[in-house]
Every structure is written in structure tokens, then in C-alpha cells.
Amino acid sequence: MTGEASVSQSYVPVRVWDLPTRLFHWAIVLLVGFSWLSRQLQWMEWHMRSGYTILTLLLFRLAWGFVGSDTARFRQFLASPRAALRHLTHLARREPDHQVGHNAAGGWMVLGLLGLLAVQVGTGLFANDDILTEGPLAETVDKSTSDWLSHIHVVNFKLIEIAVAAHILAVLTYAVLKRHNLVRPMLTGRKRLPAGLPPPRMASPWLALLLVVAAAGAVTWLVNRS
């Protein structure tokens, strides 16, 4: 009886990701790639502009994590470490994807990536390359501190590369082992879920725009304060 019920269970498209969250996700993907490329090509002015944009988006995402849509809120997707480990023990189990938003392990991966990006842009504000380029706040600390933060800036990006590779590997693993497509919902915003499952509440995109403008204003003031 249970098997028949599960087979006959109907699925409907449900909006699980809002547009601001999706735009943030893909913008960060592009900006991290461009930051790497601009550093390799010594386009340092563009490298710094990319960093300022990432900082703006991170400030927005921080606020959106408290006042945004249900699936974007930290309290919604940050489970306990034990729940994350329990989820990973079932990674090889093929089962229907009924997850609304990030799963228990994915939430911690998102938090880790946001933390690494915050360290990257934060150290970049104080960094220098001992040639022509220095962050807008480099003169507010002594040279040895700026050099140390420059070193952290370089090392931390290697951690970001590892985290990005782990993220891509996780997406591929879910696709192969569980047959869960995690990319499509982040592109379309929608996911097929069992009928009757309550959809997440979506916050106003105008609120998101207001937060982006406020974040851009804060970053502009910060980098031009001197």
C-alpha cells in the first residue's frame, strides 16, 4: 500500500528560490572567476572593482539571510552539525528529492563559502602587491600588517578554489548517486515537489533592491573614505 501511494504521488512545480538569491549565486560565480583572471593578467584596477562588487553582494546576502525569502534565511537552512553528518551518511541512498532549499550539509557548505569570500574581500582591502597596487585601507595599518594580510589574501584564495571544487563535486555526486538535479532549480527558481507541500514564503524583490543599493553605498563610502 505504501509503495503504491508513493508511486502515485503527484508532483507539481514549486518556486523554491527567489530571483535575488539566484542572481547573487551566479554573479558570485562569475565574479570569482573574473577576480582570478584579472589577477593573472595583472588587471589590478578591474581586480579591485570585482572585489568591491563581491563585498557589496556579500553585505546584501548577509542582510538577505535575515529578512529575505524563507529558503534564503540562515535559520532556515543551517541545521545542526549532527544533522549535516547524518545527511552525508545517506549520500549514496537513492531517494526522491523532497528538499525545499538547501539540505543540512549544503547549508554548511554555503556558510563556509560565504565566510571564505568575506575573508578574501576583507584582507584585500588592506593588501598590497609591493609594486603599484594596494587596497583602499592599506594605509590605515602598518606595512607589516598589510604584508601579513596580503599573504592571507593569497592563501585564502587557494582555500576558495578547494571549496569551489568541493561544491562542484557535491553537485555532480548528487546528480550521479541520487539523480538530484541541483543546478536547474538555481537557474529557474522552481523544483518539482510533492503536491500539498507548503511553498516557501518569498520576500519582495524591491526589498532586495533596497538592500543592494544600501550595500553599494556602504562599500562606496568605505573605499573612498580617505
C-alpha atoms as a PDB file:
ATOM      1  CA  MET A   1       0.000   0.000   0.000  1.00  0.00           C
ATOM      2  CA  THR A   2       2.780   2.441   0.918  1.00  0.00           C
ATOM      3  CA  GLY A   3       4.713   1.670  -2.264  1.00  0.00           C
ATOM      4  CA  GLU A   4       1.623   2.220  -4.409  1.00  0.00           C
ATOM      5  CA  ALA A   5       0.946   5.520  -2.664  1.00  0.00           C
ATOM      6  CA  SER A   6       4.489   6.742  -3.244  1.00  0.00           C
ATOM      7  CA  VAL A   7       4.372   5.745  -6.920  1.00  0.00           C
ATOM      8  CA  SER A   8       1.068   7.540  -7.474  1.00  0.00           C
ATOM      9  CA  GLN A   9       2.111  10.640  -5.552  1.00  0.00           C
ATOM     10  CA  SER A  10       1.736  13.688  -7.768  1.00  0.00           C
ATOM     11  CA  TYR A  11       4.437  16.314  -8.143  1.00  0.00           C
ATOM     12  CA  VAL A  12       3.976  19.973  -9.023  1.00  0.00           C
ATOM     13  CA  PRO A  13       6.415  22.796  -9.824  1.00  0.00           C
ATOM     14  CA  VAL A  14       7.105  24.863  -6.698  1.00  0.00           C
ATOM     15  CA  ARG A  15       9.042  28.110  -6.533  1.00  0.00           C
ATOM     16  CA  VAL A  16      11.859  27.450  -4.070  1.00  0.00           C
ATOM     17  CA  TRP A  17      14.484  30.091  -4.954  1.00  0.00           C
ATOM     18  CA  ASP A  18      13.768  33.790  -5.382  1.00  0.00           C
ATOM     19  CA  LEU A  19      15.374  35.860  -8.136  1.00  0.00           C
ATOM     20  CA  PRO A  20      17.692  37.876  -5.834  1.00  0.00           C
ATOM     21  CA  THR A  21      19.187  34.693  -4.360  1.00  0.00           C
ATOM     22  CA  ARG A  22      19.710  33.181  -7.803  1.00  0.00           C
ATOM     23  CA  LEU A  23      21.263  36.356  -9.188  1.00  0.00           C
ATOM     24  CA  PHE A  24      23.577  36.511  -6.176  1.00  0.00           C
ATOM     25  CA  HIS A  25      24.652  32.897  -6.716  1.00  0.00           C
ATOM     26  CA  TRP A  26      25.517  33.234 -10.399  1.00  0.00           C
ATOM     27  CA  ALA A  27      27.022  36.721 -10.009  1.00  0.00           C
ATOM     28  CA  ILE A  28      29.418  35.359  -7.373  1.00  0.00           C
ATOM     29  CA  VAL A  29      30.372  32.513  -9.725  1.00  0.00           C
ATOM     30  CA  LEU A  30      31.238  34.986 -12.481  1.00  0.00           C
ATOM     31  CA  LEU A  31      32.980  37.473 -10.194  1.00  0.00           C
ATOM     32  CA  VAL A  32      35.200  34.886  -8.502  1.00  0.00           C
ATOM     33  CA  GLY A  33      36.253  33.640 -11.927  1.00  0.00           C
ATOM     34  CA  PHE A  34      36.884  37.174 -13.131  1.00  0.00           C
ATOM     35  CA  SER A  35      38.845  38.023  -9.980  1.00  0.00           C
ATOM     36  CA  TRP A  36      41.148  35.091 -10.674  1.00  0.00           C
ATOM     37  CA  LEU A  37      41.520  36.051 -14.348  1.00  0.00           C
ATOM     38  CA  SER A  38      42.156  39.737 -13.658  1.00  0.00           C
ATOM     39  CA  ARG A  39      44.856  38.811 -11.142  1.00  0.00           C
ATOM     40  CA  GLN A  40      46.545  36.507 -13.641  1.00  0.00           C
ATOM     41  CA  LEU A  41      46.501  39.226 -16.313  1.00  0.00           C
ATOM     42  CA  GLN A  42      47.541  41.953 -13.857  1.00  0.00           C
ATOM     43  CA  TRP A  43      44.356  43.934 -14.473  1.00  0.00           C
ATOM     44  CA  MET A  44      44.561  45.200 -10.923  1.00  0.00           C
ATOM     45  CA  GLU A  45      42.056  48.038 -11.216  1.00  0.00           C
ATOM     46  CA  TRP A  46      39.465  45.581 -12.502  1.00  0.00           C
ATOM     47  CA  HIS A  47      40.528  43.072  -9.871  1.00  0.00           C
ATOM     48  CA  MET A  48      39.783  45.609  -7.168  1.00  0.00           C
ATOM     49  CA  ARG A  49      36.463  46.584  -8.734  1.00  0.00           C
ATOM     50  CA  SER A  50      35.499  42.934  -8.799  1.00  0.00           C
ATOM     51  CA  GLY A  51      36.375  42.687  -5.118  1.00  0.00           C
ATOM     52  CA  TYR A  52      34.244  45.724  -4.279  1.00  0.00           C
ATOM     53  CA  THR A  53      31.324  44.182  -6.139  1.00  0.00           C
ATOM     54  CA  ILE A  54      31.750  40.895  -4.272  1.00  0.00           C
ATOM     55  CA  LEU A  55      31.824  42.809  -0.971  1.00  0.00           C
ATOM     56  CA  THR A  56      28.607  44.591  -1.963  1.00  0.00           C
ATOM     57  CA  LEU A  57      26.925  41.286  -2.756  1.00  0.00           C
ATOM     58  CA  LEU A  58      28.143  39.714   0.488  1.00  0.00           C
ATOM     59  CA  LEU A  59      26.687  42.570   2.526  1.00  0.00           C
ATOM     60  CA  PHE A  60      23.420  42.119   0.662  1.00  0.00           C
ATOM     61  CA  ARG A  61      23.459  38.351   1.251  1.00  0.00           C
ATOM     62  CA  LEU A  62      24.128  38.837   4.943  1.00  0.00           C
ATOM     63  CA  ALA A  63      21.064  41.041   5.284  1.00  0.00           C
ATOM     64  CA  TRP A  64      19.020  38.798   2.970  1.00  0.00           C
ATOM     65  CA  GLY A  65      19.869  35.882   5.232  1.00  0.00           C
ATOM     66  CA  PHE A  66      17.806  37.539   7.962  1.00  0.00           C
ATOM     67  CA  VAL A  67      14.977  39.335   6.130  1.00  0.00           C
ATOM     68  CA  GLY A  68      14.806  37.538   2.761  1.00  0.00           C
ATOM     69  CA  SER A  69      12.769  34.613   1.485  1.00  0.00           C
ATOM     70  CA  ASP A  70      12.394  31.509   3.641  1.00  0.00           C
ATOM     71  CA  THR A  71      14.913  29.451   1.678  1.00  0.00           C
ATOM     72  CA  ALA A  72      17.478  32.286   1.826  1.00  0.00           C
ATOM     73  CA  ARG A  73      17.331  32.736   5.609  1.00  0.00           C
ATOM     74  CA  PHE A  74      20.176  31.327   7.669  1.00  0.00           C
ATOM     75  CA  ARG A  75      17.876  29.978  10.355  1.00  0.00           C
ATOM     76  CA  GLN A  76      16.001  28.066   7.679  1.00  0.00           C
ATOM     77  CA  PHE A  77      18.914  26.155   6.142  1.00  0.00           C
ATOM     78  CA  LEU A  78      21.528  25.959   8.917  1.00  0.00           C
ATOM     79  CA  ALA A  79      20.911  22.631  10.633  1.00  0.00           C
ATOM     80  CA  SER A  80      22.996  21.191  13.458  1.00  0.00           C
ATOM     81  CA  PRO A  81      26.396  19.671  12.575  1.00  0.00           C
ATOM     82  CA  ARG A  82      25.000  16.291  13.642  1.00  0.00           C
ATOM     83  CA  ALA A  83      22.143  16.639  11.142  1.00  0.00           C
ATOM     84  CA  ALA A  84      24.652  17.524   8.409  1.00  0.00           C
ATOM     85  CA  LEU A  85      26.756  14.433   9.176  1.00  0.00           C
ATOM     86  CA  ARG A  86      23.642  12.247   9.286  1.00  0.00           C
ATOM     87  CA  HIS A  87      22.644  13.589   5.889  1.00  0.00           C
ATOM     88  CA  LEU A  88      26.056  12.729   4.442  1.00  0.00           C
ATOM     89  CA  THR A  89      25.812   9.133   5.702  1.00  0.00           C
ATOM     90  CA  HIS A  90      22.771   8.739   3.414  1.00  0.00           C
ATOM     91  CA  LEU A  91      24.515  10.261   0.402  1.00  0.00           C
ATOM     92  CA  ALA A  92      24.602   7.014  -1.577  1.00  0.00           C
ATOM     93  CA  ARG A  93      20.931   6.279  -0.929  1.00  0.00           C
ATOM     94  CA  ARG A  94      18.787   6.946  -3.993  1.00  0.00           C
ATOM     95  CA  GLU A  95      15.553   8.615  -2.909  1.00  0.00           C
ATOM     96  CA  PRO A  96      13.111  11.264  -4.177  1.00  0.00           C
ATOM     97  CA  ASP A  97      14.228  14.862  -3.785  1.00  0.00           C
ATOM     98  CA  HIS A  98      11.756  16.477  -1.390  1.00  0.00           C
ATOM     99  CA  GLN A  99      14.193  19.078  -0.079  1.00  0.00           C
ATOM    100  CA  VAL A 100      12.969  22.677  -0.068  1.00  0.00           C
ATOM    101  CA  GLY A 101      16.080  24.861  -0.233  1.00  0.00           C
ATOM    102  CA  HIS A 102      19.497  23.721   0.979  1.00  0.00           C
ATOM    103  CA  ASN A 103      19.871  20.344   2.650  1.00  0.00           C
ATOM    104  CA  ALA A 104      21.575  20.001   6.045  1.00  0.00           C
ATOM    105  CA  ALA A 105      25.061  19.555   4.582  1.00  0.00           C
ATOM    106  CA  GLY A 106      24.602  22.059   1.775  1.00  0.00           C
ATOM    107  CA  GLY A 107      23.701  24.810   4.222  1.00  0.00           C
ATOM    108  CA  TRP A 108      27.048  24.495   5.964  1.00  0.00           C
ATOM    109  CA  MET A 109      28.863  24.467   2.635  1.00  0.00           C
ATOM    110  CA  VAL A 110      27.146  27.734   1.701  1.00  0.00           C
ATOM    111  CA  LEU A 111      28.114  29.279   5.032  1.00  0.00           C
ATOM    112  CA  GLY A 112      31.712  28.152   4.551  1.00  0.00           C
ATOM    113  CA  LEU A 113      31.898  29.661   1.077  1.00  0.00           C
ATOM    114  CA  LEU A 114      30.437  32.949   2.304  1.00  0.00           C
ATOM    115  CA  GLY A 115      32.966  33.011   5.133  1.00  0.00           C
ATOM    116  CA  LEU A 116      35.899  32.407   2.801  1.00  0.00           C
ATOM    117  CA  LEU A 117      34.703  35.136   0.446  1.00  0.00           C
ATOM    118  CA  ALA A 118      34.342  37.531   3.373  1.00  0.00           C
ATOM    119  CA  VAL A 119      37.945  36.836   4.428  1.00  0.00           C
ATOM    120  CA  GLN A 120      39.081  37.339   0.834  1.00  0.00           C
ATOM    121  CA  VAL A 121      37.498  40.738   0.308  1.00  0.00           C
ATOM    122  CA  GLY A 122      38.297  41.811   3.861  1.00  0.00           C
ATOM    123  CA  THR A 123      42.018  41.109   3.516  1.00  0.00           C
ATOM    124  CA  GLY A 124      42.006  42.602   0.022  1.00  0.00           C
ATOM    125  CA  LEU A 125      41.018  45.979   1.454  1.00  0.00           C
ATOM    126  CA  PHE A 126      44.314  46.079   3.372  1.00  0.00           C
ATOM    127  CA  ALA A 127      46.550  44.193   0.918  1.00  0.00           C
ATOM    128  CA  ASN A 128      49.419  45.447  -1.245  1.00  0.00           C
ATOM    129  CA  ASP A 129      51.499  43.945  -4.034  1.00  0.00           C
ATOM    130  CA  ASP A 130      54.734  45.828  -3.202  1.00  0.00           C
ATOM    131  CA  ILE A 131      54.610  47.450  -6.638  1.00  0.00           C
ATOM    132  CA  LEU A 132      51.782  49.813  -7.562  1.00  0.00           C
ATOM    133  CA  THR A 133      48.573  48.433  -6.130  1.00  0.00           C
ATOM    134  CA  GLU A 134      47.265  48.500  -2.604  1.00  0.00           C
ATOM    135  CA  GLY A 135      43.841  48.181  -1.053  1.00  0.00           C
ATOM    136  CA  PRO A 136      41.928  51.317  -0.069  1.00  0.00           C
ATOM    137  CA  LEU A 137      42.553  50.680   3.645  1.00  0.00           C
ATOM    138  CA  ALA A 138      46.198  49.613   3.384  1.00  0.00           C
ATOM    139  CA  GLU A 139      47.413  52.971   4.678  1.00  0.00           C
ATOM    140  CA  THR A 140      45.362  52.573   7.859  1.00  0.00           C
ATOM    141  CA  VAL A 141      47.659  49.773   9.087  1.00  0.00           C
ATOM    142  CA  ASP A 142      51.439  49.439   9.243  1.00  0.00           C
ATOM    143  CA  LYS A 143      53.372  47.797   6.408  1.00  0.00           C
ATOM    144  CA  SER A 144      53.995  44.524   8.246  1.00  0.00           C
ATOM    145  CA  THR A 145      50.283  44.111   8.953  1.00  0.00           C
ATOM    146  CA  SER A 146      49.439  44.889   5.329  1.00  0.00           C
ATOM    147  CA  ASP A 147      52.022  42.322   4.166  1.00  0.00           C
ATOM    148  CA  TRP A 148      50.578  39.691   6.514  1.00  0.00           C
ATOM    149  CA  LEU A 149      47.023  40.352   5.262  1.00  0.00           C
ATOM    150  CA  SER A 150      48.332  40.202   1.683  1.00  0.00           C
ATOM    151  CA  HIS A 151      49.700  36.733   2.441  1.00  0.00           C
ATOM    152  CA  ILE A 152      46.349  35.658   3.918  1.00  0.00           C
ATOM    153  CA  HIS A 153      44.670  37.044   0.795  1.00  0.00           C
ATOM    154  CA  VAL A 154      46.765  34.750  -1.413  1.00  0.00           C
ATOM    155  CA  VAL A 155      46.448  31.649   0.770  1.00  0.00           C
ATOM    156  CA  ASN A 156      42.725  32.121   1.314  1.00  0.00           C
ATOM    157  CA  PHE A 157      42.048  32.155  -2.422  1.00  0.00           C
ATOM    158  CA  LYS A 158      43.557  28.682  -2.642  1.00  0.00           C
ATOM    159  CA  LEU A 159      41.030  27.615   0.002  1.00  0.00           C
ATOM    160  CA  ILE A 160      38.291  29.186  -2.105  1.00  0.00           C
ATOM    161  CA  GLU A 161      39.454  27.151  -5.096  1.00  0.00           C
ATOM    162  CA  ILE A 162      39.287  23.975  -2.986  1.00  0.00           C
ATOM    163  CA  ALA A 163      35.827  24.905  -1.692  1.00  0.00           C
ATOM    164  CA  VAL A 164      34.553  25.632  -5.209  1.00  0.00           C
ATOM    165  CA  ALA A 165      35.893  22.286  -6.437  1.00  0.00           C
ATOM    166  CA  ALA A 166      34.204  20.545  -3.490  1.00  0.00           C
ATOM    167  CA  HIS A 167      30.948  22.341  -4.299  1.00  0.00           C
ATOM    168  CA  ILE A 168      31.053  21.241  -7.928  1.00  0.00           C
ATOM    169  CA  LEU A 169      31.941  17.698  -6.878  1.00  0.00           C
ATOM    170  CA  ALA A 170      28.982  17.651  -4.484  1.00  0.00           C
ATOM    171  CA  VAL A 171      26.586  18.766  -7.227  1.00  0.00           C
ATOM    172  CA  LEU A 172      27.900  16.039  -9.544  1.00  0.00           C
ATOM    173  CA  THR A 173      27.712  13.447  -6.764  1.00  0.00           C
ATOM    174  CA  TYR A 174      24.047  14.240  -6.116  1.00  0.00           C
ATOM    175  CA  ALA A 175      23.352  14.002  -9.832  1.00  0.00           C
ATOM    176  CA  VAL A 176      25.042  10.599 -10.177  1.00  0.00           C
ATOM    177  CA  LEU A 177      24.167   8.875  -6.898  1.00  0.00           C
ATOM    178  CA  LYS A 178      20.787  10.365  -6.106  1.00  0.00           C
ATOM    179  CA  ARG A 179      19.612  11.597  -9.517  1.00  0.00           C
ATOM    180  CA  HIS A 180      19.005  15.018  -7.953  1.00  0.00           C
ATOM    181  CA  ASN A 181      19.450  17.997 -10.276  1.00  0.00           C
ATOM    182  CA  LEU A 182      20.621  20.835  -8.031  1.00  0.00           C
ATOM    183  CA  VAL A 183      21.513  23.212 -10.864  1.00  0.00           C
ATOM    184  CA  ARG A 184      18.142  23.546 -12.600  1.00  0.00           C
ATOM    185  CA  PRO A 185      16.287  24.985  -9.580  1.00  0.00           C
ATOM    186  CA  MET A 186      19.036  27.585  -9.116  1.00  0.00           C
ATOM    187  CA  LEU A 187      18.532  28.582 -12.750  1.00  0.00           C
ATOM    188  CA  THR A 188      14.741  28.523 -12.954  1.00  0.00           C
ATOM    189  CA  GLY A 189      13.837  29.032  -9.306  1.00  0.00           C
ATOM    190  CA  ARG A 190      11.413  26.105  -9.463  1.00  0.00           C
ATOM    191  CA  LYS A 191      11.530  22.491  -8.401  1.00  0.00           C
ATOM    192  CA  ARG A 192       9.082  19.601  -8.679  1.00  0.00           C
ATOM    193  CA  LEU A 193       7.881  18.672  -5.215  1.00  0.00           C
ATOM    194  CA  PRO A 194       5.021  16.578  -3.816  1.00  0.00           C
ATOM    195  CA  ALA A 195       1.643  18.260  -4.202  1.00  0.00           C
ATOM    196  CA  GLY A 196       0.396  19.715  -0.954  1.00  0.00           C
ATOM    197  CA  LEU A 197       3.856  20.595   0.353  1.00  0.00           C
ATOM    198  CA  PRO A 198       3.685  24.212   1.618  1.00  0.00           C
ATOM    199  CA  PRO A 199       5.720  26.508  -0.662  1.00  0.00           C
ATOM    200  CA  PRO A 200       8.330  28.750   0.962  1.00  0.00           C
ATOM    201  CA  ARG A 201       7.450  32.392   1.512  1.00  0.00           C
ATOM    202  CA  MET A 202       9.111  34.740  -0.963  1.00  0.00           C
ATOM    203  CA  ALA A 203      10.294  38.201   0.084  1.00  0.00           C
ATOM    204  CA  SER A 204       9.774  41.285  -2.052  1.00  0.00           C
ATOM    205  CA  PRO A 205      12.356  41.866  -4.802  1.00  0.00           C
ATOM    206  CA  TRP A 206      12.047  45.589  -4.040  1.00  0.00           C
ATOM    207  CA  LEU A 207      13.395  44.896  -0.562  1.00  0.00           C
ATOM    208  CA  ALA A 208      16.320  43.069  -2.172  1.00  0.00           C
ATOM    209  CA  LEU A 209      16.983  46.042  -4.462  1.00  0.00           C
ATOM    210  CA  LEU A 210      16.917  48.407  -1.492  1.00  0.00           C
ATOM    211  CA  LEU A 211      19.443  46.230   0.345  1.00  0.00           C
ATOM    212  CA  VAL A 212      21.751  46.102  -2.701  1.00  0.00           C
ATOM    213  CA  VAL A 213      21.656  49.891  -3.035  1.00  0.00           C
ATOM    214  CA  ALA A 214      22.394  50.297   0.677  1.00  0.00           C
ATOM    215  CA  ALA A 215      25.266  47.787   0.458  1.00  0.00           C
ATOM    216  CA  ALA A 216      26.702  49.549  -2.608  1.00  0.00           C
ATOM    217  CA  GLY A 217      26.522  52.868  -0.782  1.00  0.00           C
ATOM    218  CA  ALA A 218      28.329  51.428   2.240  1.00  0.00           C
ATOM    219  CA  VAL A 219      31.110  49.939   0.090  1.00  0.00           C
ATOM    220  CA  THR A 220      31.474  53.166  -1.908  1.00  0.00           C
ATOM    221  CA  TRP A 221      31.865  55.149   1.312  1.00  0.00           C
ATOM    222  CA  LEU A 222      34.363  52.619   2.688  1.00  0.00           C
ATOM    223  CA  VAL A 223      36.700  52.588  -0.311  1.00  0.00           C
ATOM    224  CA  ASN A 224      36.562  56.374  -0.810  1.00  0.00           C
ATOM    225  CA  ARG A 225      36.722  57.463   2.836  1.00  0.00           C
ATOM    226  CA  SER A 226      40.338  58.506   2.563  1.00  0.00           C
END
